Amino acid sequence: MISVPDTGLDEIQPFIDSIKNTPKSGLHNPYKNKERYVMLGGVMTKCAEVLHDPEVFDFFVDSI
């Protein structure tokens, strides 16, 4: 069900560089990134609509 890569120490530098370039605030701050929260609200609305489909609903019931 879950696949985890076996990353070696010699392959990890790009991940460290990416972490260093990530801003410390703003990514999940609704005051700084309002468009993201509007987009995520649309995603949650679509999820709620799709759950009314019996096939999708049954899939998640079976998954739980």
PDB file of N, CA and C in Angstrom:
ATOM      1  N   MET A   1       0.820  -1.186   0.000  1.00  0.00           N
ATOM      2  CA  MET A   1       0.000   0.000   0.000  1.00  0.00           C
ATOM      3  C   MET A   1       0.871   1.261   0.000  1.00  0.00           C
ATOM      4  N   ILE A   2       1.991   1.231   0.705  1.00  0.00           N
ATOM      5  CA  ILE A   2       2.872   2.390   0.771  1.00  0.00           C
ATOM      6  C   ILE A   2       4.232   2.012   0.206  1.00  0.00           C
ATOM      7  N   SER A   3       4.762   2.878  -0.625  1.00  0.00           N
ATOM      8  CA  SER A   3       6.079   2.669  -1.206  1.00  0.00           C
ATOM      9  C   SER A   3       7.023   3.749  -0.677  1.00  0.00           C
ATOM     10  N   VAL A   4       8.131   3.325  -0.077  1.00  0.00           N
ATOM     11  CA  VAL A   4       9.088   4.261   0.504  1.00  0.00           C
ATOM     12  C   VAL A   4      10.419   4.085  -0.226  1.00  0.00           C
ATOM     13  N   PRO A   5      10.973   5.156  -0.778  1.00  0.00           N
ATOM     14  CA  PRO A   5      12.254   5.027  -1.473  1.00  0.00           C
ATOM     15  C   PRO A   5      13.395   4.763  -0.498  1.00  0.00           C
ATOM     16  N   ASP A   6      14.372   4.042  -0.961  1.00  0.00           N
ATOM     17  CA  ASP A   6      15.562   3.759  -0.156  1.00  0.00           C
ATOM     18  C   ASP A   6      16.660   4.729  -0.589  1.00  0.00           C
ATOM     19  N   THR A   7      16.575   5.961  -0.091  1.00  0.00           N
ATOM     20  CA  THR A   7      17.504   7.015  -0.486  1.00  0.00           C
ATOM     21  C   THR A   7      18.784   6.910   0.333  1.00  0.00           C
ATOM     22  N   GLY A   8      19.890   6.877  -0.362  1.00  0.00           N
ATOM     23  CA  GLY A   8      21.189   6.811   0.303  1.00  0.00           C
ATOM     24  C   GLY A   8      21.702   8.195   0.648  1.00  0.00           C
ATOM     25  N   LEU A   9      22.735   8.246   1.481  1.00  0.00           N
ATOM     26  CA  LEU A   9      23.312   9.520   1.899  1.00  0.00           C
ATOM     27  C   LEU A   9      23.879  10.308   0.721  1.00  0.00           C
ATOM     28  N   ASP A  10      24.361   9.609  -0.304  1.00  0.00           N
ATOM     29  CA  ASP A  10      24.917  10.297  -1.465  1.00  0.00           C
ATOM     30  C   ASP A  10      23.830  10.903  -2.357  1.00  0.00           C
ATOM     31  N   GLU A  11      22.565  10.544  -2.153  1.00  0.00           N
ATOM     32  CA  GLU A  11      21.457  11.052  -2.962  1.00  0.00           C
ATOM     33  C   GLU A  11      20.639  12.135  -2.249  1.00  0.00           C
ATOM     34  N   ILE A  12      20.979  12.470  -1.036  1.00  0.00           N
ATOM     35  CA  ILE A  12      20.123  13.311  -0.210  1.00  0.00           C
ATOM     36  C   ILE A  12      20.345  14.816  -0.383  1.00  0.00           C
ATOM     37  N   GLN A  13      21.449  15.224  -1.003  1.00  0.00           N
ATOM     38  CA  GLN A  13      21.783  16.646  -1.107  1.00  0.00           C
ATOM     39  C   GLN A  13      20.699  17.487  -1.799  1.00  0.00           C
ATOM     40  N   PRO A  14      20.063  17.025  -2.894  1.00  0.00           N
ATOM     41  CA  PRO A  14      18.993  17.843  -3.503  1.00  0.00           C
ATOM     42  C   PRO A  14      17.830  18.108  -2.536  1.00  0.00           C
ATOM     43  N   PHE A  15      17.534  17.167  -1.667  1.00  0.00           N
ATOM     44  CA  PHE A  15      16.456  17.362  -0.688  1.00  0.00           C
ATOM     45  C   PHE A  15      16.863  18.413   0.351  1.00  0.00           C
ATOM     46  N   ILE A  16      18.102  18.380   0.783  1.00  0.00           N
ATOM     47  CA  ILE A  16      18.590  19.362   1.747  1.00  0.00           C
ATOM     48  C   ILE A  16      18.582  20.759   1.128  1.00  0.00           C
ATOM     49  N   ASP A  17      18.995  20.867  -0.138  1.00  0.00           N
ATOM     50  CA  ASP A  17      18.981  22.162  -0.821  1.00  0.00           C
ATOM     51  C   ASP A  17      17.558  22.700  -0.949  1.00  0.00           C
ATOM     52  N   SER A  18      16.617  21.833  -1.245  1.00  0.00           N
ATOM     53  CA  SER A  18      15.219  22.234  -1.366  1.00  0.00           C
ATOM     54  C   SER A  18      14.666  22.726  -0.037  1.00  0.00           C
ATOM     55  N   ILE A  19      15.007  22.050   1.043  1.00  0.00           N
ATOM     56  CA  ILE A  19      14.553  22.470   2.371  1.00  0.00           C
ATOM     57  C   ILE A  19      15.133  23.839   2.725  1.00  0.00           C
ATOM     58  N   LYS A  20      16.391  24.067   2.389  1.00  0.00           N
ATOM     59  CA  LYS A  20      17.026  25.348   2.696  1.00  0.00           C
ATOM     60  C   LYS A  20      16.398  26.506   1.905  1.00  0.00           C
ATOM     61  N   ASN A  21      15.850  26.227   0.714  1.00  0.00           N
ATOM     62  CA  ASN A  21      15.238  27.264  -0.118  1.00  0.00           C
ATOM     63  C   ASN A  21      13.773  27.514   0.221  1.00  0.00           C
ATOM     64  N   THR A  22      13.190  26.717   1.095  1.00  0.00           N
ATOM     65  CA  THR A  22      11.793  26.873   1.468  1.00  0.00           C
ATOM     66  C   THR A  22      11.659  27.997   2.486  1.00  0.00           C
ATOM     67  N   PRO A  23      10.735  28.956   2.243  1.00  0.00           N
ATOM     68  CA  PRO A  23      10.565  30.031   3.223  1.00  0.00           C
ATOM     69  C   PRO A  23      10.036  29.490   4.547  1.00  0.00           C
ATOM     70  N   LYS A  24      10.406  30.153   5.620  1.00  0.00           N
ATOM     71  CA  LYS A  24      10.028  29.671   6.955  1.00  0.00           C
ATOM     72  C   LYS A  24       8.577  29.977   7.297  1.00  0.00           C
ATOM     73  N   SER A  25       7.970  30.959   6.634  1.00  0.00           N
ATOM     74  CA  SER A  25       6.566  31.260   6.890  1.00  0.00           C
ATOM     75  C   SER A  25       5.895  31.603   5.571  1.00  0.00           C
ATOM     76  N   GLY A  26       4.586  31.511   5.571  1.00  0.00           N
ATOM     77  CA  GLY A  26       3.832  31.925   4.400  1.00  0.00           C
ATOM     78  C   GLY A  26       3.232  30.794   3.596  1.00  0.00           C
ATOM     79  N   LEU A  27       3.852  29.618   3.622  1.00  0.00           N
ATOM     80  CA  LEU A  27       3.321  28.526   2.814  1.00  0.00           C
ATOM     81  C   LEU A  27       1.951  28.071   3.297  1.00  0.00           C
ATOM     82  N   HIS A  28       1.750  28.038   4.597  1.00  0.00           N
ATOM     83  CA  HIS A  28       0.485  27.576   5.157  1.00  0.00           C
ATOM     84  C   HIS A  28      -0.212  28.668   5.956  1.00  0.00           C
ATOM     85  N   ASN A  29       0.171  29.882   5.712  1.00  0.00           N
ATOM     86  CA  ASN A  29      -0.409  31.006   6.420  1.00  0.00           C
ATOM     87  C   ASN A  29      -1.546  31.589   5.586  1.00  0.00           C
ATOM     88  N   PRO A  30      -2.807  31.473   6.053  1.00  0.00           N
ATOM     89  CA  PRO A  30      -3.935  31.949   5.238  1.00  0.00           C
ATOM     90  C   PRO A  30      -3.916  33.450   4.994  1.00  0.00           C
ATOM     91  N   TYR A  31      -3.221  34.219   5.810  1.00  0.00           N
ATOM     92  CA  TYR A  31      -3.134  35.659   5.594  1.00  0.00           C
ATOM     93  C   TYR A  31      -2.153  36.013   4.484  1.00  0.00           C
ATOM     94  N   LYS A  32      -1.155  35.158   4.263  1.00  0.00           N
ATOM     95  CA  LYS A  32      -0.148  35.423   3.241  1.00  0.00           C
ATOM     96  C   LYS A  32      -0.435  34.703   1.926  1.00  0.00           C
ATOM     97  N   ASN A  33      -1.244  33.655   1.954  1.00  0.00           N
ATOM     98  CA  ASN A  33      -1.482  32.847   0.759  1.00  0.00           C
ATOM     99  C   ASN A  33      -2.975  32.545   0.637  1.00  0.00           C
ATOM    100  N   LYS A  34      -3.773  33.578   0.421  1.00  0.00           N
ATOM    101  CA  LYS A  34      -5.230  33.431   0.375  1.00  0.00           C
ATOM    102  C   LYS A  34      -5.690  32.584  -0.805  1.00  0.00           C
ATOM    103  N   GLU A  35      -5.004  32.694  -1.934  1.00  0.00           N
ATOM    104  CA  GLU A  35      -5.404  31.940  -3.121  1.00  0.00           C
ATOM    105  C   GLU A  35      -5.343  30.438  -2.864  1.00  0.00           C
ATOM    106  N   ARG A  36      -4.350  30.009  -2.104  1.00  0.00           N
ATOM    107  CA  ARG A  36      -4.213  28.573  -1.795  1.00  0.00           C
ATOM    108  C   ARG A  36      -5.412  28.085  -0.976  1.00  0.00           C
ATOM    109  N   TYR A  37      -5.862  28.883  -0.031  1.00  0.00           N
ATOM    110  CA  TYR A  37      -6.985  28.468   0.801  1.00  0.00           C
ATOM    111  C   TYR A  37      -8.292  28.489   0.030  1.00  0.00           C
ATOM    112  N   VAL A  38      -8.423  29.414  -0.912  1.00  0.00           N
ATOM    113  CA  VAL A  38      -9.605  29.414  -1.775  1.00  0.00           C
ATOM    114  C   VAL A  38      -9.598  28.159  -2.644  1.00  0.00           C
ATOM    115  N   MET A  39      -8.425  27.810  -3.184  1.00  0.00           N
ATOM    116  CA  MET A  39      -8.295  26.610  -4.016  1.00  0.00           C
ATOM    117  C   MET A  39      -8.600  25.356  -3.194  1.00  0.00           C
ATOM    118  N   LEU A  40      -8.057  25.273  -1.973  1.00  0.00           N
ATOM    119  CA  LEU A  40      -8.313  24.100  -1.135  1.00  0.00           C
ATOM    120  C   LEU A  40      -9.781  24.016  -0.723  1.00  0.00           C
ATOM    121  N   GLY A  41     -10.446  25.150  -0.543  1.00  0.00           N
ATOM    122  CA  GLY A  41     -11.881  25.142  -0.272  1.00  0.00           C
ATOM    123  C   GLY A  41     -12.649  24.560  -1.437  1.00  0.00           C
ATOM    124  N   GLY A  42     -12.232  24.883  -2.661  1.00  0.00           N
ATOM    125  CA  GLY A  42     -12.855  24.300  -3.851  1.00  0.00           C
ATOM    126  C   GLY A  42     -12.627  22.796  -3.931  1.00  0.00           C
ATOM    127  N   VAL A  43     -11.444  22.362  -3.551  1.00  0.00           N
ATOM    128  CA  VAL A  43     -11.139  20.922  -3.546  1.00  0.00           C
ATOM    129  C   VAL A  43     -12.038  20.197  -2.548  1.00  0.00           C
ATOM    130  N   MET A  44     -12.191  20.764  -1.358  1.00  0.00           N
ATOM    131  CA  MET A  44     -13.030  20.123  -0.344  1.00  0.00           C
ATOM    132  C   MET A  44     -14.504  20.109  -0.760  1.00  0.00           C
ATOM    133  N   THR A  45     -14.953  21.157  -1.443  1.00  0.00           N
ATOM    134  CA  THR A  45     -16.319  21.194  -1.946  1.00  0.00           C
ATOM    135  C   THR A  45     -16.529  20.089  -2.965  1.00  0.00           C
ATOM    136  N   LYS A  46     -15.583  19.913  -3.869  1.00  0.00           N
ATOM    137  CA  LYS A  46     -15.677  18.854  -4.887  1.00  0.00           C
ATOM    138  C   LYS A  46     -15.657  17.473  -4.229  1.00  0.00           C
ATOM    139  N   CYS A  47     -14.835  17.294  -3.191  1.00  0.00           N
ATOM    140  CA  CYS A  47     -14.803  16.020  -2.462  1.00  0.00           C
ATOM    141  C   CYS A  47     -16.160  15.711  -1.846  1.00  0.00           C
ATOM    142  N   ALA A  48     -16.782  16.710  -1.261  1.00  0.00           N
ATOM    143  CA  ALA A  48     -18.097  16.502  -0.650  1.00  0.00           C
ATOM    144  C   ALA A  48     -19.128  16.143  -1.710  1.00  0.00           C
ATOM    145  N   GLU A  49     -19.049  16.765  -2.882  1.00  0.00           N
ATOM    146  CA  GLU A  49     -19.979  16.453  -3.969  1.00  0.00           C
ATOM    147  C   GLU A  49     -19.778  15.022  -4.467  1.00  0.00           C
ATOM    148  N   VAL A  50     -18.527  14.622  -4.628  1.00  0.00           N
ATOM    149  CA  VAL A  50     -18.216  13.293  -5.173  1.00  0.00           C
ATOM    150  C   VAL A  50     -18.631  12.195  -4.196  1.00  0.00           C
ATOM    151  N   LEU A  51     -18.592  12.466  -2.893  1.00  0.00           N
ATOM    152  CA  LEU A  51     -18.973  11.447  -1.910  1.00  0.00           C
ATOM    153  C   LEU A  51     -20.461  11.075  -1.983  1.00  0.00           C
ATOM    154  N   HIS A  52     -21.257  11.876  -2.696  1.00  0.00           N
ATOM    155  CA  HIS A  52     -22.663  11.524  -2.892  1.00  0.00           C
ATOM    156  C   HIS A  52     -22.825  10.420  -3.930  1.00  0.00           C
ATOM    157  N   ASP A  53     -21.768  10.126  -4.687  1.00  0.00           N
ATOM    158  CA  ASP A  53     -21.783   9.021  -5.640  1.00  0.00           C
ATOM    159  C   ASP A  53     -21.638   7.722  -4.844  1.00  0.00           C
ATOM    160  N   PRO A  54     -22.612   6.791  -4.955  1.00  0.00           N
ATOM    161  CA  PRO A  54     -22.559   5.556  -4.152  1.00  0.00           C
ATOM    162  C   PRO A  54     -21.283   4.736  -4.361  1.00  0.00           C
ATOM    163  N   GLU A  55     -20.752   4.721  -5.575  1.00  0.00           N
ATOM    164  CA  GLU A  55     -19.536   3.940  -5.841  1.00  0.00           C
ATOM    165  C   GLU A  55     -18.341   4.522  -5.071  1.00  0.00           C
ATOM    166  N   VAL A  56     -18.210   5.839  -5.073  1.00  0.00           N
ATOM    167  CA  VAL A  56     -17.115   6.496  -4.354  1.00  0.00           C
ATOM    168  C   VAL A  56     -17.310   6.329  -2.847  1.00  0.00           C
ATOM    169  N   PHE A  57     -18.528   6.514  -2.386  1.00  0.00           N
ATOM    170  CA  PHE A  57     -18.836   6.364  -0.965  1.00  0.00           C
ATOM    171  C   PHE A  57     -18.485   4.954  -0.487  1.00  0.00           C
ATOM    172  N   ASP A  58     -18.907   3.946  -1.248  1.00  0.00           N
ATOM    173  CA  ASP A  58     -18.617   2.557  -0.873  1.00  0.00           C
ATOM    174  C   ASP A  58     -17.118   2.274  -0.859  1.00  0.00           C
ATOM    175  N   PHE A  59     -16.372   2.880  -1.794  1.00  0.00           N
ATOM    176  CA  PHE A  59     -14.916   2.704  -1.832  1.00  0.00           C
ATOM    177  C   PHE A  59     -14.297   3.171  -0.518  1.00  0.00           C
ATOM    178  N   PHE A  60     -14.695   4.367  -0.052  1.00  0.00           N
ATOM    179  CA  PHE A  60     -14.103   4.892   1.169  1.00  0.00           C
ATOM    180  C   PHE A  60     -14.596   4.137   2.402  1.00  0.00           C
ATOM    181  N   VAL A  61     -15.828   3.657   2.380  1.00  0.00           N
ATOM    182  CA  VAL A  61     -16.313   2.828   3.491  1.00  0.00           C
ATOM    183  C   VAL A  61     -15.493   1.547   3.575  1.00  0.00           C
ATOM    184  N   ASP A  62     -15.228   0.920   2.443  1.00  0.00           N
ATOM    185  CA  ASP A  62     -14.416  -0.300   2.425  1.00  0.00           C
ATOM    186  C   ASP A  62     -12.975  -0.009   2.852  1.00  0.00           C
ATOM    187  N   SER A  63     -12.453   1.167   2.475  1.00  0.00           N
ATOM    188  CA  SER A  63     -11.079   1.525   2.836  1.00  0.00           C
ATOM    189  C   SER A  63     -10.921   1.703   4.340  1.00  0.00           C
ATOM    190  N   ILE A  64     -11.941   2.268   4.956  1.00  0.00           N
ATOM    191  CA  ILE A  64     -11.875   2.505   6.402  1.00  0.00           C
ATOM    192  C   ILE A  64     -12.036   1.199   7.131  1.00  0.00           C
TER     193      ILE A  64
END
